[in-house]
Amino acid sequence: MPSPVPRRAAHRLIASDRIEGTLVCRPDGTQIGIIERLMINKASGQVAYAVVKVTGFPEFGERRFPLAWEMLHYDRRRGAYLADVSARDVRLGPGADGGFDWGERNDVAHIRPYRPPTFWGTSF
């Protein structure tokens, strides 16, 4: 009789193609969009930010929005990343005017939270 397959522990790493296409929502469940791609620092290997394709605010049409990676928190129950981002943030944030340099590391400083997050203490 073959030996049982060992049960795998939860991994701390995930392949980027499994993140791409994942839903991004506000803490109340309102859809913001989907993760289109991750921008990774070539030197450090760290994810700098996610490019979110906005789908939850139809008034903005086809818009991409850079969201600092540390602003995203995965919610296993919803199978989505949560971020405290409003329609105003999308309208006024980086990328809104087309002047954001998606490959420039210095621009990452401009995609930090626009206000103090209100849901960090909640349990996911």
PDB file of N, CA and C in Angstrom:
ATOM      1  N   MET A   1       0.836  -1.172   0.000  1.00  0.00           N
ATOM      2  CA  MET A   1       0.000   0.000   0.000  1.00  0.00           C
ATOM      3  C   MET A   1       0.889   1.247   0.000  1.00  0.00           C
ATOM      4  N   PRO A   2       0.654   2.200  -0.918  1.00  0.00           N
ATOM      5  CA  PRO A   2       1.502   3.400  -0.965  1.00  0.00           C
ATOM      6  C   PRO A   2       1.306   4.253   0.287  1.00  0.00           C
ATOM      7  N   SER A   3       2.374   4.952   0.627  1.00  0.00           N
ATOM      8  CA  SER A   3       2.282   5.827   1.799  1.00  0.00           C
ATOM      9  C   SER A   3       1.392   7.024   1.474  1.00  0.00           C
ATOM     10  N   PRO A   4       0.677   7.528   2.467  1.00  0.00           N
ATOM     11  CA  PRO A   4      -0.215   8.666   2.212  1.00  0.00           C
ATOM     12  C   PRO A   4       0.580   9.900   1.788  1.00  0.00           C
ATOM     13  N   VAL A   5      -0.038  10.684   0.941  1.00  0.00           N
ATOM     14  CA  VAL A   5       0.589  11.926   0.498  1.00  0.00           C
ATOM     15  C   VAL A   5       0.593  12.888   1.679  1.00  0.00           C
ATOM     16  N   PRO A   6       1.763  13.452   1.986  1.00  0.00           N
ATOM     17  CA  PRO A   6       1.798  14.372   3.128  1.00  0.00           C
ATOM     18  C   PRO A   6       0.930  15.596   2.874  1.00  0.00           C
ATOM     19  N   ARG A   7       0.274  16.035   3.916  1.00  0.00           N
ATOM     20  CA  ARG A   7      -0.569  17.230   3.825  1.00  0.00           C
ATOM     21  C   ARG A   7       0.335  18.447   3.699  1.00  0.00           C
ATOM     22  N   ARG A   8       0.043  19.315   2.741  1.00  0.00           N
ATOM     23  CA  ARG A   8       0.878  20.496   2.521  1.00  0.00           C
ATOM     24  C   ARG A   8       0.478  21.626   3.452  1.00  0.00           C
ATOM     25  N   ALA A   9       1.477  22.287   3.972  1.00  0.00           N
ATOM     26  CA  ALA A   9       1.234  23.467   4.803  1.00  0.00           C
ATOM     27  C   ALA A   9       0.916  24.649   3.893  1.00  0.00           C
ATOM     28  N   ALA A  10       0.235  25.633   4.420  1.00  0.00           N
ATOM     29  CA  ALA A  10      -0.053  26.843   3.644  1.00  0.00           C
ATOM     30  C   ALA A  10       1.267  27.525   3.283  1.00  0.00           C
ATOM     31  N   HIS A  11       1.370  27.897   2.033  1.00  0.00           N
ATOM     32  CA  HIS A  11       2.596  28.542   1.561  1.00  0.00           C
ATOM     33  C   HIS A  11       2.520  30.045   1.761  1.00  0.00           C
ATOM     34  N   ARG A  12       3.677  30.642   1.975  1.00  0.00           N
ATOM     35  CA  ARG A  12       3.753  32.094   2.112  1.00  0.00           C
ATOM     36  C   ARG A  12       4.003  32.758   0.761  1.00  0.00           C
ATOM     37  N   LEU A  13       4.324  31.979  -0.259  1.00  0.00           N
ATOM     38  CA  LEU A  13       4.595  32.531  -1.590  1.00  0.00           C
ATOM     39  C   LEU A  13       3.456  32.182  -2.533  1.00  0.00           C
ATOM     40  N   ILE A  14       3.243  33.040  -3.522  1.00  0.00           N
ATOM     41  CA  ILE A  14       2.214  32.793  -4.529  1.00  0.00           C
ATOM     42  C   ILE A  14       2.768  33.241  -5.875  1.00  0.00           C
ATOM     43  N   ALA A  15       2.439  32.510  -6.905  1.00  0.00           N
ATOM     44  CA  ALA A  15       2.873  32.862  -8.260  1.00  0.00           C
ATOM     45  C   ALA A  15       2.112  34.098  -8.732  1.00  0.00           C
ATOM     46  N   SER A  16       2.807  34.968  -9.441  1.00  0.00           N
ATOM     47  CA  SER A  16       2.184  36.225  -9.877  1.00  0.00           C
ATOM     48  C   SER A  16       0.966  35.981 -10.763  1.00  0.00           C
ATOM     49  N   ASP A  17       0.986  34.924 -11.561  1.00  0.00           N
ATOM     50  CA  ASP A  17      -0.159  34.686 -12.439  1.00  0.00           C
ATOM     51  C   ASP A  17      -1.407  34.276 -11.665  1.00  0.00           C
ATOM     52  N   ARG A  18      -1.251  33.879 -10.407  1.00  0.00           N
ATOM     53  CA  ARG A  18      -2.417  33.567  -9.575  1.00  0.00           C
ATOM     54  C   ARG A  18      -2.984  34.832  -8.930  1.00  0.00           C
ATOM     55  N   ILE A  19      -2.189  35.894  -8.883  1.00  0.00           N
ATOM     56  CA  ILE A  19      -2.647  37.173  -8.331  1.00  0.00           C
ATOM     57  C   ILE A  19      -3.329  37.992  -9.416  1.00  0.00           C
ATOM     58  N   GLU A  20      -2.779  37.947 -10.610  1.00  0.00           N
ATOM     59  CA  GLU A  20      -3.357  38.701 -11.724  1.00  0.00           C
ATOM     60  C   GLU A  20      -4.778  38.223 -11.971  1.00  0.00           C
ATOM     61  N   GLY A  21      -5.705  39.163 -12.049  1.00  0.00           N
ATOM     62  CA  GLY A  21      -7.112  38.832 -12.244  1.00  0.00           C
ATOM     63  C   GLY A  21      -7.891  38.728 -10.939  1.00  0.00           C
ATOM     64  N   THR A  22      -7.200  38.833  -9.798  1.00  0.00           N
ATOM     65  CA  THR A  22      -7.879  38.765  -8.506  1.00  0.00           C
ATOM     66  C   THR A  22      -8.621  40.059  -8.228  1.00  0.00           C
ATOM     67  N   LEU A  23      -9.803  39.923  -7.690  1.00  0.00           N
ATOM     68  CA  LEU A  23     -10.658  41.050  -7.366  1.00  0.00           C
ATOM     69  C   LEU A  23     -10.046  41.915  -6.269  1.00  0.00           C
ATOM     70  N   VAL A  24     -10.243  43.231  -6.369  1.00  0.00           N
ATOM     71  CA  VAL A  24      -9.854  44.188  -5.333  1.00  0.00           C
ATOM     72  C   VAL A  24     -11.127  44.895  -4.893  1.00  0.00           C
ATOM     73  N   CYS A  25     -11.382  44.886  -3.581  1.00  0.00           N
ATOM     74  CA  CYS A  25     -12.608  45.468  -3.027  1.00  0.00           C
ATOM     75  C   CYS A  25     -12.271  46.411  -1.883  1.00  0.00           C
ATOM     76  N   ARG A  26     -13.236  47.264  -1.578  1.00  0.00           N
ATOM     77  CA  ARG A  26     -13.175  48.064  -0.364  1.00  0.00           C
ATOM     78  C   ARG A  26     -13.538  47.149   0.803  1.00  0.00           C
ATOM     79  N   PRO A  27     -13.217  47.531   2.035  1.00  0.00           N
ATOM     80  CA  PRO A  27     -13.561  46.690   3.189  1.00  0.00           C
ATOM     81  C   PRO A  27     -15.051  46.366   3.293  1.00  0.00           C
ATOM     82  N   ASP A  28     -15.915  47.226   2.747  1.00  0.00           N
ATOM     83  CA  ASP A  28     -17.362  46.959   2.788  1.00  0.00           C
ATOM     84  C   ASP A  28     -17.817  46.026   1.672  1.00  0.00           C
ATOM     85  N   GLY A  29     -16.890  45.563   0.837  1.00  0.00           N
ATOM     86  CA  GLY A  29     -17.211  44.637  -0.245  1.00  0.00           C
ATOM     87  C   GLY A  29     -17.434  45.293  -1.594  1.00  0.00           C
ATOM     88  N   THR A  30     -17.476  46.614  -1.653  1.00  0.00           N
ATOM     89  CA  THR A  30     -17.652  47.329  -2.917  1.00  0.00           C
ATOM     90  C   THR A  30     -16.460  47.045  -3.828  1.00  0.00           C
ATOM     91  N   GLN A  31     -16.733  46.645  -5.052  1.00  0.00           N
ATOM     92  CA  GLN A  31     -15.669  46.313  -5.993  1.00  0.00           C
ATOM     93  C   GLN A  31     -14.942  47.556  -6.476  1.00  0.00           C
ATOM     94  N   ILE A  32     -13.606  47.494  -6.475  1.00  0.00           N
ATOM     95  CA  ILE A  32     -12.766  48.551  -7.038  1.00  0.00           C
ATOM     96  C   ILE A  32     -12.323  48.142  -8.436  1.00  0.00           C
ATOM     97  N   GLY A  33     -11.806  46.915  -8.566  1.00  0.00           N
ATOM     98  CA  GLY A  33     -11.313  46.441  -9.850  1.00  0.00           C
ATOM     99  C   GLY A  33     -10.637  45.098  -9.703  1.00  0.00           C
ATOM    100  N   ILE A  34      -9.732  44.817 -10.628  1.00  0.00           N
ATOM    101  CA  ILE A  34      -8.962  43.576 -10.587  1.00  0.00           C
ATOM    102  C   ILE A  34      -7.482  43.905 -10.734  1.00  0.00           C
ATOM    103  N   ILE A  35      -6.654  43.054 -10.169  1.00  0.00           N
ATOM    104  CA  ILE A  35      -5.206  43.232 -10.316  1.00  0.00           C
ATOM    105  C   ILE A  35      -4.821  42.799 -11.725  1.00  0.00           C
ATOM    106  N   GLU A  36      -4.263  43.742 -12.462  1.00  0.00           N
ATOM    107  CA  GLU A  36      -3.860  43.463 -13.839  1.00  0.00           C
ATOM    108  C   GLU A  36      -2.430  42.938 -13.896  1.00  0.00           C
ATOM    109  N   ARG A  37      -1.552  43.536 -13.091  1.00  0.00           N
ATOM    110  CA  ARG A  37      -0.158  43.077 -13.048  1.00  0.00           C
ATOM    111  C   ARG A  37       0.504  43.591 -11.787  1.00  0.00           C
ATOM    112  N   LEU A  38       1.654  43.030 -11.483  1.00  0.00           N
ATOM    113  CA  LEU A  38       2.466  43.482 -10.358  1.00  0.00           C
ATOM    114  C   LEU A  38       3.712  44.136 -10.903  1.00  0.00           C
ATOM    115  N   MET A  39       4.141  45.200 -10.249  1.00  0.00           N
ATOM    116  CA  MET A  39       5.382  45.863 -10.611  1.00  0.00           C
ATOM    117  C   MET A  39       6.406  45.508  -9.535  1.00  0.00           C
ATOM    118  N   ILE A  40       7.495  44.897  -9.962  1.00  0.00           N
ATOM    119  CA  ILE A  40       8.502  44.342  -9.058  1.00  0.00           C
ATOM    120  C   ILE A  40       9.814  45.082  -9.230  1.00  0.00           C
ATOM    121  N   ASN A  41      10.414  45.444  -8.101  1.00  0.00           N
ATOM    122  CA  ASN A  41      11.711  46.103  -8.130  1.00  0.00           C
ATOM    123  C   ASN A  41      12.750  45.099  -8.614  1.00  0.00           C
ATOM    124  N   LYS A  42      13.441  45.406  -9.723  1.00  0.00           N
ATOM    125  CA  LYS A  42      14.416  44.473 -10.301  1.00  0.00           C
ATOM    126  C   LYS A  42      15.580  44.190  -9.359  1.00  0.00           C
ATOM    127  N   ALA A  43      15.999  45.178  -8.594  1.00  0.00           N
ATOM    128  CA  ALA A  43      17.155  45.002  -7.719  1.00  0.00           C
ATOM    129  C   ALA A  43      16.813  44.228  -6.446  1.00  0.00           C
ATOM    130  N   SER A  44      15.703  44.582  -5.791  1.00  0.00           N
ATOM    131  CA  SER A  44      15.371  43.952  -4.508  1.00  0.00           C
ATOM    132  C   SER A  44      14.481  42.723  -4.652  1.00  0.00           C
ATOM    133  N   GLY A  45      13.743  42.644  -5.755  1.00  0.00           N
ATOM    134  CA  GLY A  45      12.810  41.542  -5.931  1.00  0.00           C
ATOM    135  C   GLY A  45      11.489  41.746  -5.204  1.00  0.00           C
ATOM    136  N   GLN A  46      11.314  42.879  -4.558  1.00  0.00           N
ATOM    137  CA  GLN A  46      10.089  43.169  -3.803  1.00  0.00           C
ATOM    138  C   GLN A  46       9.006  43.731  -4.717  1.00  0.00           C
ATOM    139  N   VAL A  47       7.756  43.352  -4.437  1.00  0.00           N
ATOM    140  CA  VAL A  47       6.636  43.928  -5.173  1.00  0.00           C
ATOM    141  C   VAL A  47       6.501  45.379  -4.719  1.00  0.00           C
ATOM    142  N   ALA A  48       6.537  46.305  -5.654  1.00  0.00           N
ATOM    143  CA  ALA A  48       6.395  47.722  -5.334  1.00  0.00           C
ATOM    144  C   ALA A  48       4.922  48.104  -5.299  1.00  0.00           C
ATOM    145  N   TYR A  49       4.193  47.723  -6.348  1.00  0.00           N
ATOM    146  CA  TYR A  49       2.776  48.050  -6.388  1.00  0.00           C
ATOM    147  C   TYR A  49       2.051  47.147  -7.364  1.00  0.00           C
ATOM    148  N   ALA A  50       0.738  47.160  -7.240  1.00  0.00           N
ATOM    149  CA  ALA A  50      -0.123  46.440  -8.171  1.00  0.00           C
ATOM    150  C   ALA A  50      -0.774  47.452  -9.099  1.00  0.00           C
ATOM    151  N   VAL A  51      -0.915  47.083 -10.344  1.00  0.00           N
ATOM    152  CA  VAL A  51      -1.674  47.891 -11.284  1.00  0.00           C
ATOM    153  C   VAL A  51      -3.092  47.324 -11.255  1.00  0.00           C
ATOM    154  N   VAL A  52      -4.034  48.150 -10.806  1.00  0.00           N
ATOM    155  CA  VAL A  52      -5.427  47.730 -10.688  1.00  0.00           C
ATOM    156  C   VAL A  52      -6.206  48.283 -11.872  1.00  0.00           C
ATOM    157  N   LYS A  53      -6.850  47.399 -12.596  1.00  0.00           N
ATOM    158  CA  LYS A  53      -7.751  47.822 -13.673  1.00  0.00           C
ATOM    159  C   LYS A  53      -9.089  48.130 -13.009  1.00  0.00           C
ATOM    160  N   VAL A  54      -9.481  49.382 -13.058  1.00  0.00           N
ATOM    161  CA  VAL A  54     -10.685  49.841 -12.360  1.00  0.00           C
ATOM    162  C   VAL A  54     -11.916  49.329 -13.099  1.00  0.00           C
ATOM    163  N   THR A  55     -12.771  48.606 -12.370  1.00  0.00           N
ATOM    164  CA  THR A  55     -14.022  48.094 -12.926  1.00  0.00           C
ATOM    165  C   THR A  55     -15.214  48.481 -12.052  1.00  0.00           C
ATOM    166  N   GLY A  56     -14.955  48.909 -10.821  1.00  0.00           N
ATOM    167  CA  GLY A  56     -16.028  49.191  -9.881  1.00  0.00           C
ATOM    168  C   GLY A  56     -16.567  50.609  -9.938  1.00  0.00           C
ATOM    169  N   PHE A  57     -15.934  51.472 -10.727  1.00  0.00           N
ATOM    170  CA  PHE A  57     -16.377  52.851 -10.870  1.00  0.00           C
ATOM    171  C   PHE A  57     -16.573  53.114 -12.363  1.00  0.00           C
ATOM    172  N   PRO A  58     -17.728  52.733 -12.917  1.00  0.00           N
ATOM    173  CA  PRO A  58     -17.921  52.820 -14.365  1.00  0.00           C
ATOM    174  C   PRO A  58     -17.774  54.229 -14.932  1.00  0.00           C
ATOM    175  N   GLU A  59     -17.953  55.239 -14.091  1.00  0.00           N
ATOM    176  CA  GLU A  59     -17.824  56.612 -14.583  1.00  0.00           C
ATOM    177  C   GLU A  59     -16.403  56.947 -15.036  1.00  0.00           C
ATOM    178  N   PHE A  60     -15.424  56.097 -14.677  1.00  0.00           N
ATOM    179  CA  PHE A  60     -14.038  56.367 -15.053  1.00  0.00           C
ATOM    180  C   PHE A  60     -13.603  55.619 -16.301  1.00  0.00           C
ATOM    181  N   GLY A  61     -14.438  54.760 -16.840  1.00  0.00           N
ATOM    182  CA  GLY A  61     -14.085  54.023 -18.048  1.00  0.00           C
ATOM    183  C   GLY A  61     -12.880  53.127 -17.827  1.00  0.00           C
ATOM    184  N   GLU A  62     -12.055  52.967 -18.860  1.00  0.00           N
ATOM    185  CA  GLU A  62     -10.846  52.132 -18.800  1.00  0.00           C
ATOM    186  C   GLU A  62      -9.735  52.886 -18.091  1.00  0.00           C
ATOM    187  N   ARG A  63      -9.538  52.622 -16.844  1.00  0.00           N
ATOM    188  CA  ARG A  63      -8.511  53.312 -16.087  1.00  0.00           C
ATOM    189  C   ARG A  63      -7.672  52.288 -15.331  1.00  0.00           C
ATOM    190  N   ARG A  64      -6.372  52.552 -15.272  1.00  0.00           N
ATOM    191  CA  ARG A  64      -5.456  51.749 -14.456  1.00  0.00           C
ATOM    192  C   ARG A  64      -5.040  52.622 -13.293  1.00  0.00           C
ATOM    193  N   PHE A  65      -4.909  52.000 -12.139  1.00  0.00           N
ATOM    194  CA  PHE A  65      -4.627  52.728 -10.913  1.00  0.00           C
ATOM    195  C   PHE A  65      -3.513  52.010 -10.170  1.00  0.00           C
ATOM    196  N   PRO A  66      -2.385  52.677  -9.880  1.00  0.00           N
ATOM    197  CA  PRO A  66      -1.320  52.019  -9.115  1.00  0.00           C
ATOM    198  C   PRO A  66      -1.676  52.015  -7.635  1.00  0.00           C
ATOM    199  N   LEU A  67      -1.528  50.864  -7.003  1.00  0.00           N
ATOM    200  CA  LEU A  67      -1.858  50.738  -5.597  1.00  0.00           C
ATOM    201  C   LEU A  67      -0.683  50.087  -4.877  1.00  0.00           C
ATOM    202  N   ALA A  68      -0.106  50.818  -3.912  1.00  0.00           N
ATOM    203  CA  ALA A  68       1.052  50.309  -3.170  1.00  0.00           C
ATOM    204  C   ALA A  68       0.730  48.927  -2.611  1.00  0.00           C
ATOM    205  N   TRP A  69       1.640  47.994  -2.766  1.00  0.00           N
ATOM    206  CA  TRP A  69       1.412  46.607  -2.374  1.00  0.00           C
ATOM    207  C   TRP A  69       1.005  46.478  -0.907  1.00  0.00           C
ATOM    208  N   GLU A  70       1.605  47.293  -0.041  1.00  0.00           N
ATOM    209  CA  GLU A  70       1.281  47.184   1.387  1.00  0.00           C
ATOM    210  C   GLU A  70      -0.134  47.683   1.711  1.00  0.00           C
ATOM    211  N   MET A  71      -0.798  48.331   0.769  1.00  0.00           N
ATOM    212  CA  MET A  71      -2.186  48.761   0.977  1.00  0.00           C
ATOM    213  C   MET A  71      -3.179  47.621   0.733  1.00  0.00           C
ATOM    214  N   LEU A  72      -2.730  46.555   0.112  1.00  0.00           N
ATOM    215  CA  LEU A  72      -3.602  45.432  -0.212  1.00  0.00           C
ATOM    216  C   LEU A  72      -3.483  44.352   0.860  1.00  0.00           C
ATOM    217  N   HIS A  73      -4.628  43.873   1.310  1.00  0.00           N
ATOM    218  CA  HIS A  73      -4.674  42.829   2.345  1.00  0.00           C
ATOM    219  C   HIS A  73      -5.615  41.735   1.864  1.00  0.00           C
ATOM    220  N   TYR A  74      -5.083  40.507   1.756  1.00  0.00           N
ATOM    221  CA  TYR A  74      -5.884  39.427   1.195  1.00  0.00           C
ATOM    222  C   TYR A  74      -6.910  38.925   2.204  1.00  0.00           C
ATOM    223  N   ASP A  75      -8.148  38.808   1.754  1.00  0.00           N
ATOM    224  CA  ASP A  75      -9.249  38.295   2.562  1.00  0.00           C
ATOM    225  C   ASP A  75      -9.612  36.920   2.005  1.00  0.00           C
ATOM    226  N   ARG A  76      -9.264  35.879   2.734  1.00  0.00           N
ATOM    227  CA  ARG A  76      -9.502  34.510   2.261  1.00  0.00           C
ATOM    228  C   ARG A  76     -10.987  34.216   2.079  1.00  0.00           C
ATOM    229  N   ARG A  77     -11.810  34.749   2.961  1.00  0.00           N
ATOM    230  CA  ARG A  77     -13.254  34.488   2.863  1.00  0.00           C
ATOM    231  C   ARG A  77     -13.825  35.022   1.557  1.00  0.00           C
ATOM    232  N   ARG A  78     -13.389  36.178   1.137  1.00  0.00           N
ATOM    233  CA  ARG A  78     -13.898  36.784  -0.098  1.00  0.00           C
ATOM    234  C   ARG A  78     -13.111  36.363  -1.327  1.00  0.00           C
ATOM    235  N   GLY A  79     -11.908  35.850  -1.121  1.00  0.00           N
ATOM    236  CA  GLY A  79     -11.048  35.527  -2.257  1.00  0.00           C
ATOM    237  C   GLY A  79     -10.650  36.769  -3.014  1.00  0.00           C
ATOM    238  N   ALA A  80     -10.477  37.870  -2.262  1.00  0.00           N
ATOM    239  CA  ALA A  80     -10.184  39.164  -2.878  1.00  0.00           C
ATOM    240  C   ALA A  80      -9.202  39.930  -2.003  1.00  0.00           C
ATOM    241  N   TYR A  81      -8.520  40.889  -2.621  1.00  0.00           N
ATOM    242  CA  TYR A  81      -7.688  41.812  -1.862  1.00  0.00           C
ATOM    243  C   TYR A  81      -8.557  42.980  -1.430  1.00  0.00           C
ATOM    244  N   LEU A  82      -8.347  43.454  -0.209  1.00  0.00           N
ATOM    245  CA  LEU A  82      -9.072  44.599   0.313  1.00  0.00           C
ATOM    246  C   LEU A  82      -8.151  45.809   0.336  1.00  0.00           C
ATOM    247  N   ALA A  83      -8.702  46.951  -0.012  1.00  0.00           N
ATOM    248  CA  ALA A  83      -7.964  48.213   0.018  1.00  0.00           C
ATOM    249  C   ALA A  83      -8.955  49.330   0.294  1.00  0.00           C
ATOM    250  N   ASP A  84      -8.554  50.258   1.128  1.00  0.00           N
ATOM    251  CA  ASP A  84      -9.418  51.380   1.463  1.00  0.00           C
ATOM    252  C   ASP A  84      -9.215  52.482   0.424  1.00  0.00           C
ATOM    253  N   VAL A  85      -9.848  52.320  -0.730  1.00  0.00           N
ATOM    254  CA  VAL A  85      -9.713  53.244  -1.854  1.00  0.00           C
ATOM    255  C   VAL A  85     -11.107  53.704  -2.259  1.00  0.00           C
ATOM    256  N   SER A  86     -11.261  55.001  -2.387  1.00  0.00           N
ATOM    257  CA  SER A  86     -12.560  55.568  -2.764  1.00  0.00           C
ATOM    258  C   SER A  86     -12.557  55.963  -4.242  1.00  0.00           C
ATOM    259  N   ALA A  87     -13.728  56.303  -4.737  1.00  0.00           N
ATOM    260  CA  ALA A  87     -13.832  56.823  -6.108  1.00  0.00           C
ATOM    261  C   ALA A  87     -13.002  58.097  -6.240  1.00  0.00           C
ATOM    262  N   ARG A  88     -12.975  58.901  -5.196  1.00  0.00           N
ATOM    263  CA  ARG A  88     -12.177  60.137  -5.213  1.00  0.00           C
ATOM    264  C   ARG A  88     -10.690  59.813  -5.361  1.00  0.00           C
ATOM    265  N   ASP A  89     -10.217  58.780  -4.642  1.00  0.00           N
ATOM    266  CA  ASP A  89      -8.817  58.373  -4.752  1.00  0.00           C
ATOM    267  C   ASP A  89      -8.481  57.980  -6.185  1.00  0.00           C
ATOM    268  N   VAL A  90      -9.380  57.249  -6.819  1.00  0.00           N
ATOM    269  CA  VAL A  90      -9.147  56.813  -8.200  1.00  0.00           C
ATOM    270  C   VAL A  90      -9.156  58.023  -9.136  1.00  0.00           C
ATOM    271  N   ARG A  91     -10.088  58.937  -8.916  1.00  0.00           N
ATOM    272  CA  ARG A  91     -10.210  60.115  -9.781  1.00  0.00           C
ATOM    273  C   ARG A  91      -8.992  61.031  -9.662  1.00  0.00           C
ATOM    274  N   LEU A  92      -8.498  61.238  -8.428  1.00  0.00           N
ATOM    275  CA  LEU A  92      -7.422  62.200  -8.202  1.00  0.00           C
ATOM    276  C   LEU A  92      -6.043  61.565  -8.049  1.00  0.00           C
ATOM    277  N   GLY A  93      -5.983  60.259  -7.941  1.00  0.00           N
ATOM    278  CA  GLY A  93      -4.726  59.570  -7.670  1.00  0.00           C
ATOM    279  C   GLY A  93      -3.813  59.475  -8.871  1.00  0.00           C
ATOM    280  N   PRO A  94      -2.644  58.889  -8.660  1.00  0.00           N
ATOM    281  CA  PRO A  94      -1.664  58.733  -9.738  1.00  0.00           C
ATOM    282  C   PRO A  94      -2.251  57.934 -10.890  1.00  0.00           C
ATOM    283  N   GLY A  95      -1.840  58.272 -12.058  1.00  0.00           N
ATOM    284  CA  GLY A  95      -2.330  57.581 -13.239  1.00  0.00           C
ATOM    285  C   GLY A  95      -3.569  58.222 -13.820  1.00  0.00           C
ATOM    286  N   ALA A  96      -4.253  59.044 -13.019  1.00  0.00           N
ATOM    287  CA  ALA A  96      -5.502  59.647 -13.462  1.00  0.00           C
ATOM    288  C   ALA A  96      -5.298  60.616 -14.621  1.00  0.00           C
ATOM    289  N   ASP A  97      -4.170  61.311 -14.613  1.00  0.00           N
ATOM    290  CA  ASP A  97      -3.928  62.311 -15.667  1.00  0.00           C
ATOM    291  C   ASP A  97      -3.039  61.783 -16.778  1.00  0.00           C
ATOM    292  N   GLY A  98      -2.651  60.530 -16.707  1.00  0.00           N
ATOM    293  CA  GLY A  98      -1.797  59.941 -17.735  1.00  0.00           C
ATOM    294  C   GLY A  98      -0.332  60.272 -17.565  1.00  0.00           C
ATOM    295  N   GLY A  99       0.041  61.037 -16.526  1.00  0.00           N
ATOM    296  CA  GLY A  99       1.428  61.432 -16.340  1.00  0.00           C
ATOM    297  C   GLY A  99       2.242  60.505 -15.462  1.00  0.00           C
ATOM    298  N   PHE A 100       1.647  59.450 -14.952  1.00  0.00           N
ATOM    299  CA  PHE A 100       2.361  58.532 -14.071  1.00  0.00           C
ATOM    300  C   PHE A 100       3.303  57.653 -14.886  1.00  0.00           C
ATOM    301  N   ASP A 101       4.573  57.560 -14.476  1.00  0.00           N
ATOM    302  CA  ASP A 101       5.559  56.715 -15.151  1.00  0.00           C
ATOM    303  C   ASP A 101       5.521  55.342 -14.489  1.00  0.00           C
ATOM    304  N   TRP A 102       4.869  54.393 -15.128  1.00  0.00           N
ATOM    305  CA  TRP A 102       4.625  53.076 -14.542  1.00  0.00           C
ATOM    306  C   TRP A 102       5.898  52.304 -14.229  1.00  0.00           C
ATOM    307  N   GLY A 103       7.007  52.633 -14.842  1.00  0.00           N
ATOM    308  CA  GLY A 103       8.245  51.901 -14.606  1.00  0.00           C
ATOM    309  C   GLY A 103       9.243  52.625 -13.728  1.00  0.00           C
ATOM    310  N   GLU A 104       8.940  53.813 -13.304  1.00  0.00           N
ATOM    311  CA  GLU A 104       9.879  54.613 -12.516  1.00  0.00           C
ATOM    312  C   GLU A 104       9.689  54.342 -11.025  1.00  0.00           C
ATOM    313  N   ARG A 105      10.737  53.876 -10.399  1.00  0.00           N
ATOM    314  CA  ARG A 105      10.685  53.532  -8.969  1.00  0.00           C
ATOM    315  C   ARG A 105      10.394  54.753  -8.099  1.00  0.00           C
ATOM    316  N   ASN A 106      10.863  55.933  -8.471  1.00  0.00           N
ATOM    317  CA  ASN A 106      10.631  57.133  -7.655  1.00  0.00           C
ATOM    318  C   ASN A 106       9.154  57.484  -7.552  1.00  0.00           C
ATOM    319  N   ASP A 107       8.355  57.102  -8.563  1.00  0.00           N
ATOM    320  CA  ASP A 107       6.928  57.392  -8.528  1.00  0.00           C
ATOM    321  C   ASP A 107       6.181  56.589  -7.477  1.00  0.00           C
ATOM    322  N   VAL A 108       6.793  55.534  -6.968  1.00  0.00           N
ATOM    323  CA  VAL A 108       6.127  54.701  -5.966  1.00  0.00           C
ATOM    324  C   VAL A 108       5.788  55.523  -4.730  1.00  0.00           C
ATOM    325  N   ALA A 109       6.585  56.522  -4.417  1.00  0.00           N
ATOM    326  CA  ALA A 109       6.310  57.374  -3.258  1.00  0.00           C
ATOM    327  C   ALA A 109       4.959  58.071  -3.384  1.00  0.00           C
ATOM    328  N   HIS A 110       4.465  58.240  -4.581  1.00  0.00           N
ATOM    329  CA  HIS A 110       3.196  58.934  -4.810  1.00  0.00           C
ATOM    330  C   HIS A 110       1.977  58.019  -4.737  1.00  0.00           C
ATOM    331  N   ILE A 111       2.177  56.719  -4.512  1.00  0.00           N
ATOM    332  CA  ILE A 111       1.033  55.815  -4.489  1.00  0.00           C
ATOM    333  C   ILE A 111       0.771  55.256  -3.098  1.00  0.00           C
ATOM    334  N   ARG A 112       1.250  55.934  -2.098  1.00  0.00           N
ATOM    335  CA  ARG A 112       0.976  55.565  -0.718  1.00  0.00           C
ATOM    336  C   ARG A 112      -0.428  56.007  -0.347  1.00  0.00           C
ATOM    337  N   PRO A 113      -0.924  55.591   0.797  1.00  0.00           N
ATOM    338  CA  PRO A 113      -2.296  55.958   1.184  1.00  0.00           C
ATOM    339  C   PRO A 113      -2.507  57.470   1.180  1.00  0.00           C
ATOM    340  N   TYR A 114      -3.681  57.873   0.767  1.00  0.00           N
ATOM    341  CA  TYR A 114      -4.026  59.284   0.703  1.00  0.00           C
ATOM    342  C   TYR A 114      -4.564  59.787   2.033  1.00  0.00           C
ATOM    343  N   ARG A 115      -4.949  58.863   2.905  1.00  0.00           N
ATOM    344  CA  ARG A 115      -5.466  59.190   4.231  1.00  0.00           C
ATOM    345  C   ARG A 115      -5.200  57.983   5.114  1.00  0.00           C
ATOM    346  N   PRO A 116      -5.259  58.148   6.419  1.00  0.00           N
ATOM    347  CA  PRO A 116      -5.003  56.987   7.281  1.00  0.00           C
ATOM    348  C   PRO A 116      -6.042  55.895   7.041  1.00  0.00           C
ATOM    349  N   PRO A 117      -5.608  54.652   6.872  1.00  0.00           N
ATOM    350  CA  PRO A 117      -6.554  53.554   6.675  1.00  0.00           C
ATOM    351  C   PRO A 117      -7.461  53.415   7.894  1.00  0.00           C
ATOM    352  N   THR A 118      -8.702  53.014   7.670  1.00  0.00           N
ATOM    353  CA  THR A 118      -9.662  52.915   8.761  1.00  0.00           C
ATOM    354  C   THR A 118      -9.970  51.481   9.143  1.00  0.00           C
ATOM    355  N   PHE A 119      -9.359  50.517   8.467  1.00  0.00           N
ATOM    356  CA  PHE A 119      -9.761  49.133   8.747  1.00  0.00           C
ATOM    357  C   PHE A 119      -8.608  48.220   9.151  1.00  0.00           C
ATOM    358  N   TRP A 120      -7.436  48.759   9.450  1.00  0.00           N
ATOM    359  CA  TRP A 120      -6.291  47.907   9.757  1.00  0.00           C
ATOM    360  C   TRP A 120      -6.570  47.001  10.966  1.00  0.00           C
ATOM    361  N   GLY A 121      -7.373  47.467  11.917  1.00  0.00           N
ATOM    362  CA  GLY A 121      -7.618  46.676  13.126  1.00  0.00           C
ATOM    363  C   GLY A 121      -8.623  45.574  12.935  1.00  0.00           C
ATOM    364  N   THR A 122      -9.272  45.486  11.776  1.00  0.00           N
ATOM    365  CA  THR A 122     -10.273  44.461  11.598  1.00  0.00           C
ATOM    366  C   THR A 122      -9.624  43.127  11.300  1.00  0.00           C
ATOM    367  N   SER A 123     -10.327  42.077  11.565  1.00  0.00           N
ATOM    368  CA  SER A 123      -9.806  40.723  11.357  1.00  0.00           C
ATOM    369  C   SER A 123     -10.223  40.206   9.999  1.00  0.00           C
ATOM    370  N   PHE A 124      -9.265  39.713   9.239  1.00  0.00           N
ATOM    371  CA  PHE A 124      -9.576  39.139   7.933  1.00  0.00           C
ATOM    372  C   PHE A 124      -9.477  37.655   8.057  1.00  0.00           C
TER     373      PHE A 124
END
